[in-house]
Structure formats: C-alpha cells, structure tokens
Amino acid sequence: MKLTKKSHACVRLEKDGRTLVLDPGMFTEEDAALGTDVLLVTHEHPDHFDMGRLRAALDVNAAAEIWTLRSVAEQLSAAFPGRVHTVGHGDTFTAAGFDVEVHGELHAVIHPDIPRVTNVGYLVDGAVFHPGDALTVPDRPVDTLLLPVMAPWSKISEVIDYVREVKPRQAYDIHDALLTDLARPIYDRQIGALGGTAHDRLAPGASAEL
C-alpha cells in the first residue's frame, strides 16, 4: 500500500489501482481528494471536513462514496443519495477493496468550556490508523500510526505517551499545518527519541510504501 501525505490531516492510500482519502479539510490542497474511490472523514471540524473538496471528489467520480459520522453525513446525504454512509465506533466495512474498522467516539478536550463533538478513527486494512482529533487506542495492534503531532488540544508529552501506548511499528506525522518550521526539529527529535518507535515526517506530496 502506498501512503501519500497531503497538507495537515489528509492522507491518500493507494493499492491495486484503487484510492482512499482521509480528512481533506480547509488546509488541504484543493485537488487532494480528486480521483478517489473512497472518502473517510473523522469529524466535522473544517480542518478535516471541507464541503467543497468532498463535493468535487464525488462529482468527478460518480462511483466514489463517503463513510463518516452522522454530523458530517447529514450535510451531504441529500445531495448524494446512496453514496454517503454513517458509521460509528465498532463498525466495520469494505470499500473499493479496503477493509476499514471504526474506533473512537469523541473529539479530544480542547477546553472544558467547549462542547466535545463526535470523532471516529479509521483502521485501514488492519494496518494504518488515522485517529482524527483524539488519542484513541485501538483494541488491536497497529502497524502504521498517523500521529496528530500538534493541535490546540494536545501537548508534546501527550503525543509521546500516545505513541508509547499504541506501540506501532512506525509513526508518520499528520495534523501539522500549525507547526512552524522552527518547531519541527524539536518535535522530530523528542518524539523520535522518546516515543519508542520509528518516527518520520513526510512533506506534503511525498509518499512512502507500507
């Protein structure tokens, strides 16, 4: 399977000529979701869910479908009947040859005064886990963790402890649009040294074979 990093929290996964895209949001390239067969969205925040990018992807490929939680599905289902599927924690499905498990229920706490929205993570082919905006630990081993490295709801000690708890074979940074170039070496060094697993960062547009 080929992993391609897009800006911020979005990634593309490709295998056997089919493509799956997770979380194309407002910080993601305009064309990041075009040509995909499967779209997965973890939650409703605009850095993960951009209506224009999703509609464009569904318009370009009339066979493309989306799996997401109810708060996002309700905004798209009328325009794309039969192509928008609602999922929640514990669900499993197969789409375009990708086997997907759904883990998690709530967004991480940003501040006690801010209500928490729903959030789900996706484990693809039993190997690649995208947690969205939460530090969800799946109840099964993870080979490749897509690591939300910097967010208003986290600090680096929590990120490091999350890697330690999940124990993936490797971790790739996501959720990094707000991380400045000055800070990146610090995060790379500390997560790499303390996380206990292989840690790497892909520039937007770069790929890795998993």
N, C-alpha and C. Protein backbone atom coordinates (compact mmCIF):
# COMPACT_ATOMS: atom_id res chain seq x y z
N MET A 1 0.84 -1.19 0.00
CA MET A 1 0.00 0.00 0.00
C MET A 1 0.88 1.24 0.00
N LYS A 2 0.48 2.23 -0.77
CA LYS A 2 1.23 3.48 -0.86
C LYS A 2 0.53 4.57 -0.06
N LEU A 3 1.28 5.23 0.79
CA LEU A 3 0.79 6.35 1.59
C LEU A 3 1.34 7.64 1.04
N THR A 4 0.46 8.59 0.73
CA THR A 4 0.89 9.92 0.30
C THR A 4 0.36 10.95 1.27
N LYS A 5 1.25 11.73 1.83
CA LYS A 5 0.87 12.79 2.77
C LYS A 5 0.35 13.99 2.00
N LYS A 6 -0.77 14.50 2.42
CA LYS A 6 -1.29 15.78 1.95
C LYS A 6 -1.21 16.77 3.11
N SER A 7 -1.46 18.02 2.84
CA SER A 7 -1.29 19.02 3.90
C SER A 7 -2.23 18.76 5.07
N HIS A 8 -1.71 19.00 6.24
CA HIS A 8 -2.39 18.90 7.52
C HIS A 8 -2.79 17.46 7.83
N ALA A 9 -4.08 17.16 7.96
CA ALA A 9 -4.52 15.86 8.45
C ALA A 9 -4.92 14.90 7.34
N CYS A 10 -4.72 15.27 6.10
CA CYS A 10 -5.19 14.48 4.96
C CYS A 10 -4.10 13.54 4.44
N VAL A 11 -4.50 12.31 4.16
CA VAL A 11 -3.60 11.34 3.52
C VAL A 11 -4.36 10.60 2.43
N ARG A 12 -3.59 10.11 1.43
CA ARG A 12 -4.13 9.23 0.39
C ARG A 12 -3.48 7.86 0.52
N LEU A 13 -4.29 6.82 0.44
CA LEU A 13 -3.80 5.45 0.44
C LEU A 13 -4.18 4.81 -0.89
N GLU A 14 -3.21 4.13 -1.51
CA GLU A 14 -3.46 3.51 -2.81
C GLU A 14 -2.98 2.07 -2.80
N LYS A 15 -3.81 1.19 -3.39
CA LYS A 15 -3.40 -0.20 -3.60
C LYS A 15 -4.27 -0.78 -4.71
N ASP A 16 -3.67 -1.64 -5.51
CA ASP A 16 -4.39 -2.36 -6.57
C ASP A 16 -5.20 -1.43 -7.45
N GLY A 17 -4.68 -0.24 -7.70
CA GLY A 17 -5.34 0.70 -8.58
C GLY A 17 -6.52 1.44 -7.97
N ARG A 18 -6.75 1.30 -6.68
CA ARG A 18 -7.84 2.00 -6.00
C ARG A 18 -7.26 2.97 -4.98
N THR A 19 -8.03 4.01 -4.66
CA THR A 19 -7.55 5.09 -3.80
C THR A 19 -8.55 5.40 -2.69
N LEU A 20 -8.02 5.64 -1.51
CA LEU A 20 -8.81 6.04 -0.34
C LEU A 20 -8.21 7.33 0.20
N VAL A 21 -9.04 8.32 0.50
CA VAL A 21 -8.58 9.60 1.05
C VAL A 21 -9.25 9.87 2.38
N LEU A 22 -8.44 10.27 3.36
CA LEU A 22 -8.94 10.60 4.69
C LEU A 22 -8.80 12.09 4.96
N ASP A 23 -9.85 12.69 5.47
CA ASP A 23 -9.86 14.03 6.05
C ASP A 23 -9.29 15.15 5.17
N PRO A 24 -9.86 15.35 3.97
CA PRO A 24 -9.48 16.53 3.19
C PRO A 24 -10.18 17.78 3.74
N GLY A 25 -9.45 18.62 4.43
CA GLY A 25 -10.02 19.80 5.07
C GLY A 25 -9.55 21.08 4.45
N MET A 26 -9.81 22.19 5.13
CA MET A 26 -9.57 23.51 4.55
C MET A 26 -8.09 23.83 4.41
N PHE A 27 -7.21 23.14 5.12
CA PHE A 27 -5.77 23.36 4.96
C PHE A 27 -5.15 22.44 3.91
N THR A 28 -5.98 21.58 3.34
CA THR A 28 -5.52 20.58 2.38
C THR A 28 -5.59 21.12 0.97
N GLU A 29 -4.73 20.62 0.09
CA GLU A 29 -4.73 21.05 -1.31
C GLU A 29 -6.12 20.88 -1.94
N GLU A 30 -6.48 21.78 -2.82
CA GLU A 30 -7.81 21.78 -3.44
C GLU A 30 -8.11 20.46 -4.14
N ASP A 31 -7.09 19.84 -4.73
CA ASP A 31 -7.31 18.63 -5.52
C ASP A 31 -6.97 17.35 -4.76
N ALA A 32 -6.79 17.44 -3.45
CA ALA A 32 -6.30 16.29 -2.69
C ALA A 32 -7.22 15.08 -2.76
N ALA A 33 -8.52 15.31 -2.88
CA ALA A 33 -9.48 14.20 -2.87
C ALA A 33 -9.94 13.81 -4.27
N LEU A 34 -9.52 14.51 -5.29
CA LEU A 34 -10.00 14.21 -6.64
C LEU A 34 -9.47 12.85 -7.11
N GLY A 35 -10.33 12.10 -7.78
CA GLY A 35 -9.93 10.81 -8.31
C GLY A 35 -9.98 9.67 -7.32
N THR A 36 -10.47 9.94 -6.11
CA THR A 36 -10.52 8.87 -5.11
C THR A 36 -11.76 8.00 -5.29
N ASP A 37 -11.67 6.78 -4.78
CA ASP A 37 -12.80 5.85 -4.79
C ASP A 37 -13.54 5.87 -3.45
N VAL A 38 -12.80 6.12 -2.37
CA VAL A 38 -13.34 6.08 -1.01
C VAL A 38 -12.92 7.34 -0.27
N LEU A 39 -13.86 7.95 0.44
CA LEU A 39 -13.58 9.10 1.28
C LEU A 39 -13.96 8.76 2.71
N LEU A 40 -13.07 9.05 3.65
CA LEU A 40 -13.34 8.87 5.07
C LEU A 40 -13.14 10.20 5.78
N VAL A 41 -14.07 10.58 6.64
CA VAL A 41 -13.97 11.82 7.39
C VAL A 41 -14.16 11.50 8.87
N THR A 42 -13.23 11.97 9.69
CA THR A 42 -13.25 11.63 11.11
C THR A 42 -14.21 12.48 11.93
N HIS A 43 -14.39 13.76 11.54
CA HIS A 43 -15.30 14.62 12.30
C HIS A 43 -15.55 15.91 11.54
N GLU A 44 -16.36 16.78 12.12
CA GLU A 44 -16.93 17.92 11.41
C GLU A 44 -16.07 19.19 11.40
N HIS A 45 -14.98 19.25 12.11
CA HIS A 45 -14.18 20.47 12.14
C HIS A 45 -13.60 20.76 10.75
N PRO A 46 -13.56 22.03 10.36
CA PRO A 46 -13.23 22.35 8.97
C PRO A 46 -11.81 22.02 8.53
N ASP A 47 -10.88 21.81 9.45
CA ASP A 47 -9.55 21.39 9.03
C ASP A 47 -9.51 19.91 8.67
N HIS A 48 -10.64 19.22 8.88
CA HIS A 48 -10.76 17.80 8.50
C HIS A 48 -11.89 17.58 7.49
N PHE A 49 -12.84 18.47 7.46
CA PHE A 49 -14.04 18.32 6.63
C PHE A 49 -14.29 19.62 5.87
N ASP A 50 -14.05 19.57 4.57
CA ASP A 50 -14.33 20.72 3.71
C ASP A 50 -15.37 20.30 2.67
N MET A 51 -16.53 20.92 2.72
CA MET A 51 -17.62 20.54 1.84
C MET A 51 -17.25 20.63 0.37
N GLY A 52 -16.57 21.70 0.00
CA GLY A 52 -16.21 21.89 -1.41
C GLY A 52 -15.30 20.80 -1.93
N ARG A 53 -14.32 20.40 -1.15
CA ARG A 53 -13.40 19.35 -1.59
C ARG A 53 -14.12 18.00 -1.70
N LEU A 54 -15.01 17.72 -0.77
CA LEU A 54 -15.74 16.46 -0.82
C LEU A 54 -16.71 16.43 -2.00
N ARG A 55 -17.43 17.51 -2.19
CA ARG A 55 -18.39 17.54 -3.31
C ARG A 55 -17.66 17.42 -4.64
N ALA A 56 -16.52 18.06 -4.77
CA ALA A 56 -15.76 17.97 -6.02
C ALA A 56 -15.33 16.53 -6.29
N ALA A 57 -14.88 15.83 -5.25
CA ALA A 57 -14.44 14.44 -5.41
C ALA A 57 -15.61 13.54 -5.80
N LEU A 58 -16.76 13.75 -5.20
CA LEU A 58 -17.93 12.94 -5.51
C LEU A 58 -18.48 13.26 -6.89
N ASP A 59 -18.34 14.50 -7.32
CA ASP A 59 -18.78 14.89 -8.67
C ASP A 59 -17.87 14.30 -9.74
N VAL A 60 -16.57 14.31 -9.51
CA VAL A 60 -15.61 13.84 -10.50
C VAL A 60 -15.75 12.34 -10.73
N ASN A 61 -15.92 11.59 -9.65
CA ASN A 61 -16.06 10.14 -9.75
C ASN A 61 -17.45 9.75 -9.25
N ALA A 62 -18.34 9.43 -10.18
CA ALA A 62 -19.72 9.13 -9.83
C ALA A 62 -19.86 7.86 -9.01
N ALA A 63 -18.79 7.05 -8.94
CA ALA A 63 -18.82 5.82 -8.15
C ALA A 63 -18.22 6.01 -6.77
N ALA A 64 -17.62 7.16 -6.51
CA ALA A 64 -16.99 7.40 -5.21
C ALA A 64 -18.05 7.49 -4.12
N GLU A 65 -17.68 7.00 -2.92
CA GLU A 65 -18.58 7.03 -1.78
C GLU A 65 -17.83 7.53 -0.56
N ILE A 66 -18.60 7.97 0.43
CA ILE A 66 -18.02 8.51 1.65
C ILE A 66 -18.58 7.80 2.87
N TRP A 67 -17.70 7.55 3.82
CA TRP A 67 -18.08 6.99 5.12
C TRP A 67 -17.67 7.98 6.19
N THR A 68 -18.59 8.30 7.08
CA THR A 68 -18.31 9.32 8.08
C THR A 68 -19.33 9.23 9.20
N LEU A 69 -19.16 10.07 10.22
CA LEU A 69 -20.12 10.07 11.31
C LEU A 69 -21.35 10.92 10.96
N ARG A 70 -22.36 10.85 11.78
CA ARG A 70 -23.66 11.42 11.46
C ARG A 70 -23.60 12.92 11.19
N SER A 71 -22.84 13.67 12.00
CA SER A 71 -22.83 15.13 11.86
C SER A 71 -22.35 15.58 10.50
N VAL A 72 -21.46 14.82 9.88
CA VAL A 72 -20.99 15.13 8.52
C VAL A 72 -21.93 14.54 7.48
N ALA A 73 -22.37 13.31 7.69
CA ALA A 73 -23.24 12.63 6.72
C ALA A 73 -24.50 13.43 6.46
N GLU A 74 -25.05 14.03 7.50
CA GLU A 74 -26.30 14.78 7.35
C GLU A 74 -26.14 15.98 6.42
N GLN A 75 -24.94 16.48 6.26
CA GLN A 75 -24.71 17.63 5.40
C GLN A 75 -24.51 17.26 3.94
N LEU A 76 -24.34 15.96 3.66
CA LEU A 76 -24.04 15.52 2.30
C LEU A 76 -25.04 14.54 1.71
N SER A 77 -25.77 13.83 2.55
CA SER A 77 -26.56 12.71 2.07
C SER A 77 -27.65 13.11 1.10
N ALA A 78 -28.26 14.27 1.26
CA ALA A 78 -29.33 14.68 0.35
C ALA A 78 -28.81 14.93 -1.05
N ALA A 79 -27.60 15.47 -1.17
CA ALA A 79 -27.03 15.78 -2.48
C ALA A 79 -26.48 14.54 -3.18
N PHE A 80 -26.14 13.51 -2.40
CA PHE A 80 -25.53 12.30 -2.97
C PHE A 80 -26.21 11.06 -2.40
N PRO A 81 -27.48 10.85 -2.77
CA PRO A 81 -28.24 9.74 -2.19
C PRO A 81 -27.59 8.38 -2.47
N GLY A 82 -27.52 7.58 -1.41
CA GLY A 82 -26.97 6.25 -1.52
C GLY A 82 -25.45 6.17 -1.52
N ARG A 83 -24.80 7.32 -1.48
CA ARG A 83 -23.33 7.33 -1.57
C ARG A 83 -22.67 7.79 -0.27
N VAL A 84 -23.46 8.19 0.71
CA VAL A 84 -22.94 8.69 1.98
C VAL A 84 -23.38 7.72 3.08
N HIS A 85 -22.42 7.16 3.80
CA HIS A 85 -22.70 6.12 4.78
C HIS A 85 -22.30 6.59 6.18
N THR A 86 -23.19 6.39 7.14
CA THR A 86 -22.94 6.80 8.51
C THR A 86 -22.34 5.64 9.31
N VAL A 87 -21.26 5.91 10.03
CA VAL A 87 -20.59 4.88 10.81
C VAL A 87 -20.35 5.37 12.23
N GLY A 88 -20.06 4.42 13.11
CA GLY A 88 -19.72 4.74 14.49
C GLY A 88 -18.79 3.69 15.06
N HIS A 89 -18.38 3.90 16.28
CA HIS A 89 -17.42 3.01 16.94
C HIS A 89 -17.86 1.56 16.85
N GLY A 90 -16.95 0.68 16.45
CA GLY A 90 -17.22 -0.74 16.37
C GLY A 90 -17.67 -1.22 15.01
N ASP A 91 -18.00 -0.29 14.11
CA ASP A 91 -18.44 -0.69 12.77
C ASP A 91 -17.25 -1.17 11.93
N THR A 92 -17.54 -2.04 11.00
CA THR A 92 -16.55 -2.49 10.01
C THR A 92 -17.20 -2.49 8.65
N PHE A 93 -16.42 -2.23 7.61
CA PHE A 93 -16.94 -2.26 6.25
C PHE A 93 -15.79 -2.43 5.27
N THR A 94 -16.14 -2.82 4.05
CA THR A 94 -15.17 -2.93 2.97
C THR A 94 -15.60 -2.00 1.85
N ALA A 95 -14.66 -1.21 1.36
CA ALA A 95 -14.95 -0.24 0.30
C ALA A 95 -13.79 -0.22 -0.69
N ALA A 96 -14.09 -0.47 -1.97
CA ALA A 96 -13.08 -0.46 -3.04
C ALA A 96 -11.86 -1.31 -2.69
N GLY A 97 -12.11 -2.41 -2.01
CA GLY A 97 -11.03 -3.32 -1.66
C GLY A 97 -10.31 -3.00 -0.37
N PHE A 98 -10.67 -1.91 0.29
CA PHE A 98 -10.07 -1.55 1.58
C PHE A 98 -10.98 -2.05 2.71
N ASP A 99 -10.40 -2.74 3.69
CA ASP A 99 -11.14 -3.15 4.88
C ASP A 99 -10.94 -2.11 5.97
N VAL A 100 -12.04 -1.61 6.51
CA VAL A 100 -11.96 -0.49 7.45
C VAL A 100 -12.69 -0.83 8.76
N GLU A 101 -12.03 -0.53 9.87
CA GLU A 101 -12.63 -0.63 11.20
C GLU A 101 -12.74 0.78 11.78
N VAL A 102 -13.81 1.02 12.53
CA VAL A 102 -14.07 2.33 13.12
C VAL A 102 -13.82 2.26 14.63
N HIS A 103 -12.99 3.18 15.12
CA HIS A 103 -12.63 3.20 16.54
C HIS A 103 -12.79 4.62 17.10
N GLY A 104 -13.38 4.71 18.29
CA GLY A 104 -13.46 6.00 18.97
C GLY A 104 -14.83 6.64 18.86
N GLU A 105 -15.05 7.63 19.73
CA GLU A 105 -16.37 8.26 19.80
C GLU A 105 -16.34 9.77 19.95
N LEU A 106 -15.34 10.32 20.64
CA LEU A 106 -15.36 11.74 20.96
C LEU A 106 -14.04 12.42 20.61
N HIS A 107 -14.16 13.69 20.21
CA HIS A 107 -13.01 14.56 19.99
C HIS A 107 -12.28 14.77 21.32
N ALA A 108 -10.98 14.96 21.26
CA ALA A 108 -10.23 15.30 22.47
C ALA A 108 -10.74 16.61 23.08
N VAL A 109 -10.51 16.78 24.35
CA VAL A 109 -10.94 18.00 25.04
C VAL A 109 -10.04 19.16 24.62
N ILE A 110 -10.64 20.20 24.06
CA ILE A 110 -9.91 21.42 23.74
C ILE A 110 -9.85 22.32 24.97
N HIS A 111 -11.02 22.52 25.59
CA HIS A 111 -11.16 23.26 26.85
C HIS A 111 -12.48 22.80 27.47
N PRO A 112 -12.56 22.71 28.78
CA PRO A 112 -13.82 22.27 29.40
C PRO A 112 -15.04 23.09 29.00
N ASP A 113 -14.84 24.35 28.62
CA ASP A 113 -15.97 25.19 28.23
C ASP A 113 -16.42 24.97 26.78
N ILE A 114 -15.67 24.19 26.02
CA ILE A 114 -16.01 23.93 24.62
C ILE A 114 -16.63 22.53 24.52
N PRO A 115 -17.88 22.43 24.05
CA PRO A 115 -18.51 21.11 23.95
C PRO A 115 -17.72 20.20 23.01
N ARG A 116 -17.63 18.93 23.38
CA ARG A 116 -16.91 17.96 22.55
C ARG A 116 -17.83 17.45 21.44
N VAL A 117 -17.29 17.39 20.23
CA VAL A 117 -18.03 16.82 19.12
C VAL A 117 -17.65 15.35 18.98
N THR A 118 -18.43 14.62 18.19
CA THR A 118 -18.08 13.24 17.93
C THR A 118 -16.87 13.17 17.02
N ASN A 119 -16.11 12.09 17.15
CA ASN A 119 -14.90 11.87 16.36
C ASN A 119 -14.66 10.37 16.28
N VAL A 120 -14.38 9.89 15.08
CA VAL A 120 -14.04 8.48 14.92
C VAL A 120 -12.69 8.36 14.24
N GLY A 121 -11.98 7.28 14.55
CA GLY A 121 -10.74 6.96 13.86
C GLY A 121 -10.96 5.77 12.95
N TYR A 122 -10.10 5.63 11.95
CA TYR A 122 -10.24 4.55 10.98
C TYR A 122 -8.97 3.72 10.91
N LEU A 123 -9.12 2.40 11.09
CA LEU A 123 -8.03 1.47 10.89
C LEU A 123 -8.23 0.81 9.54
N VAL A 124 -7.31 1.04 8.62
CA VAL A 124 -7.45 0.59 7.23
C VAL A 124 -6.59 -0.64 7.02
N ASP A 125 -7.23 -1.70 6.52
CA ASP A 125 -6.56 -2.97 6.23
C ASP A 125 -5.82 -3.52 7.44
N GLY A 126 -6.34 -3.23 8.62
CA GLY A 126 -5.72 -3.73 9.84
C GLY A 126 -4.32 -3.24 10.08
N ALA A 127 -3.94 -2.14 9.38
CA ALA A 127 -2.54 -1.72 9.42
C ALA A 127 -2.34 -0.24 9.70
N VAL A 128 -3.10 0.62 9.03
CA VAL A 128 -2.89 2.07 9.10
C VAL A 128 -4.02 2.71 9.90
N PHE A 129 -3.67 3.42 10.97
CA PHE A 129 -4.69 4.03 11.83
C PHE A 129 -4.60 5.55 11.80
N HIS A 130 -5.74 6.18 11.45
CA HIS A 130 -5.90 7.64 11.49
C HIS A 130 -6.90 7.94 12.60
N PRO A 131 -6.47 8.57 13.70
CA PRO A 131 -7.36 8.77 14.84
C PRO A 131 -8.22 10.01 14.78
N GLY A 132 -8.04 10.87 13.74
CA GLY A 132 -8.73 12.15 13.76
C GLY A 132 -8.19 13.02 14.87
N ASP A 133 -9.08 13.73 15.55
CA ASP A 133 -8.66 14.61 16.64
C ASP A 133 -8.93 13.95 17.99
N ALA A 134 -8.26 12.85 18.24
CA ALA A 134 -8.36 12.15 19.52
C ALA A 134 -7.16 11.24 19.64
N LEU A 135 -6.85 10.88 20.84
CA LEU A 135 -5.75 9.95 21.09
C LEU A 135 -6.34 8.57 21.38
N THR A 136 -7.11 8.07 20.43
CA THR A 136 -7.79 6.79 20.57
C THR A 136 -6.79 5.65 20.39
N VAL A 137 -6.86 4.68 21.27
CA VAL A 137 -6.00 3.49 21.18
C VAL A 137 -6.86 2.31 20.72
N PRO A 138 -6.65 1.83 19.51
CA PRO A 138 -7.44 0.67 19.05
C PRO A 138 -7.18 -0.55 19.91
N ASP A 139 -8.15 -1.45 19.93
CA ASP A 139 -8.01 -2.65 20.74
C ASP A 139 -7.33 -3.77 19.96
N ARG A 140 -6.44 -3.40 19.06
CA ARG A 140 -5.66 -4.38 18.30
C ARG A 140 -4.37 -3.72 17.85
N PRO A 141 -3.34 -4.50 17.50
CA PRO A 141 -2.06 -3.91 17.11
C PRO A 141 -2.20 -3.01 15.87
N VAL A 142 -1.37 -1.98 15.83
CA VAL A 142 -1.33 -1.04 14.71
C VAL A 142 0.07 -1.05 14.12
N ASP A 143 0.18 -1.25 12.83
CA ASP A 143 1.50 -1.23 12.18
C ASP A 143 1.95 0.21 11.95
N THR A 144 1.09 1.03 11.35
CA THR A 144 1.44 2.41 10.99
C THR A 144 0.45 3.37 11.63
N LEU A 145 0.93 4.22 12.49
CA LEU A 145 0.10 5.22 13.17
C LEU A 145 0.27 6.57 12.48
N LEU A 146 -0.84 7.17 12.09
CA LEU A 146 -0.83 8.54 11.60
C LEU A 146 -1.02 9.43 12.83
N LEU A 147 0.04 10.13 13.19
CA LEU A 147 0.17 10.75 14.51
C LEU A 147 -0.20 12.23 14.47
N PRO A 148 -1.29 12.64 15.17
CA PRO A 148 -1.61 14.07 15.26
C PRO A 148 -0.57 14.77 16.13
N VAL A 149 0.38 15.39 15.46
CA VAL A 149 1.60 15.79 16.16
C VAL A 149 1.45 17.12 16.89
N MET A 150 0.56 18.00 16.40
CA MET A 150 0.42 19.30 17.05
C MET A 150 -1.00 19.81 16.86
N ALA A 151 -1.65 20.19 17.97
CA ALA A 151 -3.03 20.65 17.91
C ALA A 151 -3.34 21.52 19.12
N PRO A 152 -4.39 22.35 19.05
CA PRO A 152 -4.77 23.15 20.22
C PRO A 152 -5.19 22.29 21.41
N TRP A 153 -5.48 21.02 21.16
CA TRP A 153 -5.97 20.15 22.23
C TRP A 153 -4.88 19.23 22.79
N SER A 154 -3.64 19.40 22.39
CA SER A 154 -2.61 18.46 22.86
C SER A 154 -1.33 19.17 23.24
N LYS A 155 -0.46 18.44 23.94
CA LYS A 155 0.90 18.89 24.20
C LYS A 155 1.84 17.73 23.88
N ILE A 156 3.10 18.02 23.71
CA ILE A 156 4.01 17.01 23.18
C ILE A 156 4.15 15.81 24.10
N SER A 157 4.03 15.99 25.39
CA SER A 157 4.13 14.84 26.29
C SER A 157 2.99 13.85 26.04
N GLU A 158 1.80 14.38 25.73
CA GLU A 158 0.66 13.51 25.42
C GLU A 158 0.88 12.79 24.10
N VAL A 159 1.47 13.46 23.13
CA VAL A 159 1.76 12.84 21.84
C VAL A 159 2.75 11.69 22.03
N ILE A 160 3.79 11.94 22.80
CA ILE A 160 4.80 10.90 23.05
C ILE A 160 4.17 9.71 23.78
N ASP A 161 3.36 9.98 24.80
CA ASP A 161 2.73 8.90 25.55
C ASP A 161 1.75 8.13 24.67
N TYR A 162 1.12 8.81 23.74
CA TYR A 162 0.20 8.14 22.82
C TYR A 162 0.95 7.13 21.93
N VAL A 163 2.08 7.54 21.41
CA VAL A 163 2.89 6.62 20.61
C VAL A 163 3.30 5.42 21.46
N ARG A 164 3.71 5.68 22.68
CA ARG A 164 4.12 4.58 23.56
C ARG A 164 2.97 3.60 23.83
N GLU A 165 1.76 4.14 23.97
CA GLU A 165 0.62 3.28 24.29
C GLU A 165 0.17 2.46 23.08
N VAL A 166 0.14 3.08 21.91
CA VAL A 166 -0.29 2.36 20.70
C VAL A 166 0.76 1.34 20.27
N LYS A 167 2.04 1.70 20.43
CA LYS A 167 3.16 0.82 20.07
C LYS A 167 3.13 0.41 18.59
N PRO A 168 3.02 1.36 17.67
CA PRO A 168 3.05 0.98 16.26
C PRO A 168 4.48 0.62 15.83
N ARG A 169 4.58 -0.02 14.68
CA ARG A 169 5.92 -0.27 14.14
C ARG A 169 6.53 1.04 13.64
N GLN A 170 5.68 1.94 13.13
CA GLN A 170 6.17 3.22 12.64
C GLN A 170 5.06 4.26 12.80
N ALA A 171 5.46 5.52 12.90
CA ALA A 171 4.50 6.62 13.02
C ALA A 171 4.89 7.72 12.04
N TYR A 172 3.87 8.24 11.34
CA TYR A 172 4.06 9.37 10.43
C TYR A 172 3.22 10.54 10.93
N ASP A 173 3.80 11.73 10.92
CA ASP A 173 3.10 12.91 11.41
C ASP A 173 1.95 13.31 10.51
N ILE A 174 0.82 13.66 11.14
CA ILE A 174 -0.26 14.39 10.50
C ILE A 174 -0.66 15.52 11.44
N HIS A 175 -1.66 16.29 11.06
CA HIS A 175 -2.16 17.40 11.88
C HIS A 175 -1.01 18.34 12.24
N ASP A 176 -0.32 18.82 11.19
CA ASP A 176 0.90 19.58 11.40
C ASP A 176 0.91 20.94 10.73
N ALA A 177 -0.24 21.41 10.22
CA ALA A 177 -0.25 22.68 9.50
C ALA A 177 0.10 23.86 10.39
N LEU A 178 -0.17 23.75 11.67
CA LEU A 178 0.11 24.85 12.60
C LEU A 178 1.50 24.77 13.22
N LEU A 179 2.23 23.74 12.87
CA LEU A 179 3.58 23.56 13.43
C LEU A 179 4.59 24.32 12.56
N THR A 180 5.28 25.27 13.14
CA THR A 180 6.21 26.08 12.36
C THR A 180 7.49 25.30 12.03
N ASP A 181 8.19 25.76 11.01
CA ASP A 181 9.45 25.11 10.63
C ASP A 181 10.47 25.17 11.76
N LEU A 182 10.42 26.22 12.58
CA LEU A 182 11.34 26.32 13.71
C LEU A 182 11.10 25.21 14.73
N ALA A 183 9.83 24.82 14.91
CA ALA A 183 9.48 23.84 15.93
C ALA A 183 9.64 22.40 15.45
N ARG A 184 9.60 22.18 14.15
CA ARG A 184 9.61 20.81 13.63
C ARG A 184 10.80 19.98 14.13
N PRO A 185 12.03 20.50 14.09
CA PRO A 185 13.15 19.68 14.58
C PRO A 185 13.02 19.29 16.05
N ILE A 186 12.42 20.15 16.85
CA ILE A 186 12.22 19.83 18.26
C ILE A 186 11.25 18.67 18.41
N TYR A 187 10.13 18.74 17.69
CA TYR A 187 9.14 17.66 17.73
C TYR A 187 9.74 16.36 17.19
N ASP A 188 10.45 16.47 16.06
CA ASP A 188 11.07 15.27 15.47
C ASP A 188 12.00 14.60 16.47
N ARG A 189 12.85 15.41 17.10
CA ARG A 189 13.86 14.86 18.00
C ARG A 189 13.21 14.24 19.23
N GLN A 190 12.27 14.93 19.84
CA GLN A 190 11.71 14.43 21.09
C GLN A 190 10.79 13.24 20.87
N ILE A 191 9.95 13.27 19.84
CA ILE A 191 9.08 12.12 19.58
C ILE A 191 9.91 10.92 19.14
N GLY A 192 10.91 11.17 18.30
CA GLY A 192 11.76 10.09 17.84
C GLY A 192 12.55 9.45 18.97
N ALA A 193 13.04 10.27 19.90
CA ALA A 193 13.86 9.75 20.98
C ALA A 193 13.04 9.09 22.08
N LEU A 194 11.84 9.60 22.32
CA LEU A 194 11.07 9.16 23.49
C LEU A 194 9.87 8.29 23.15
N GLY A 195 9.44 8.28 21.90
CA GLY A 195 8.23 7.55 21.55
C GLY A 195 8.40 6.04 21.53
N GLY A 196 9.64 5.59 21.31
CA GLY A 196 9.90 4.16 21.33
C GLY A 196 9.57 3.44 20.04
N THR A 197 9.41 4.19 18.95
CA THR A 197 9.12 3.56 17.66
C THR A 197 9.72 4.41 16.55
N ALA A 198 9.80 3.85 15.36
CA ALA A 198 10.30 4.62 14.22
C ALA A 198 9.34 5.77 13.93
N HIS A 199 9.88 6.97 13.85
CA HIS A 199 9.05 8.16 13.66
C HIS A 199 9.57 8.94 12.47
N ASP A 200 8.65 9.38 11.59
CA ASP A 200 9.08 10.10 10.39
C ASP A 200 8.04 11.15 10.04
N ARG A 201 8.45 12.09 9.23
CA ARG A 201 7.57 13.15 8.75
C ARG A 201 7.71 13.26 7.25
N LEU A 202 6.57 13.21 6.55
CA LEU A 202 6.55 13.36 5.11
C LEU A 202 6.11 14.76 4.75
N ALA A 203 6.79 15.40 3.82
CA ALA A 203 6.35 16.69 3.31
C ALA A 203 5.10 16.48 2.48
N PRO A 204 4.22 17.47 2.39
CA PRO A 204 3.03 17.33 1.54
C PRO A 204 3.40 16.93 0.12
N GLY A 205 2.77 15.87 -0.35
CA GLY A 205 3.05 15.34 -1.68
C GLY A 205 4.03 14.17 -1.68
N ALA A 206 4.76 13.98 -0.59
CA ALA A 206 5.71 12.87 -0.50
C ALA A 206 4.98 11.59 -0.15
N SER A 207 5.59 10.46 -0.54
CA SER A 207 4.95 9.15 -0.36
C SER A 207 5.89 8.16 0.32
N ALA A 208 5.30 7.11 0.85
CA ALA A 208 6.04 6.00 1.44
C ALA A 208 5.30 4.72 1.11
N GLU A 209 6.04 3.66 0.88
CA GLU A 209 5.46 2.34 0.65
C GLU A 209 5.35 1.63 2.00
N LEU A 210 4.17 1.15 2.31
CA LEU A 210 3.94 0.50 3.61
C LEU A 210 3.95 -1.03 3.46
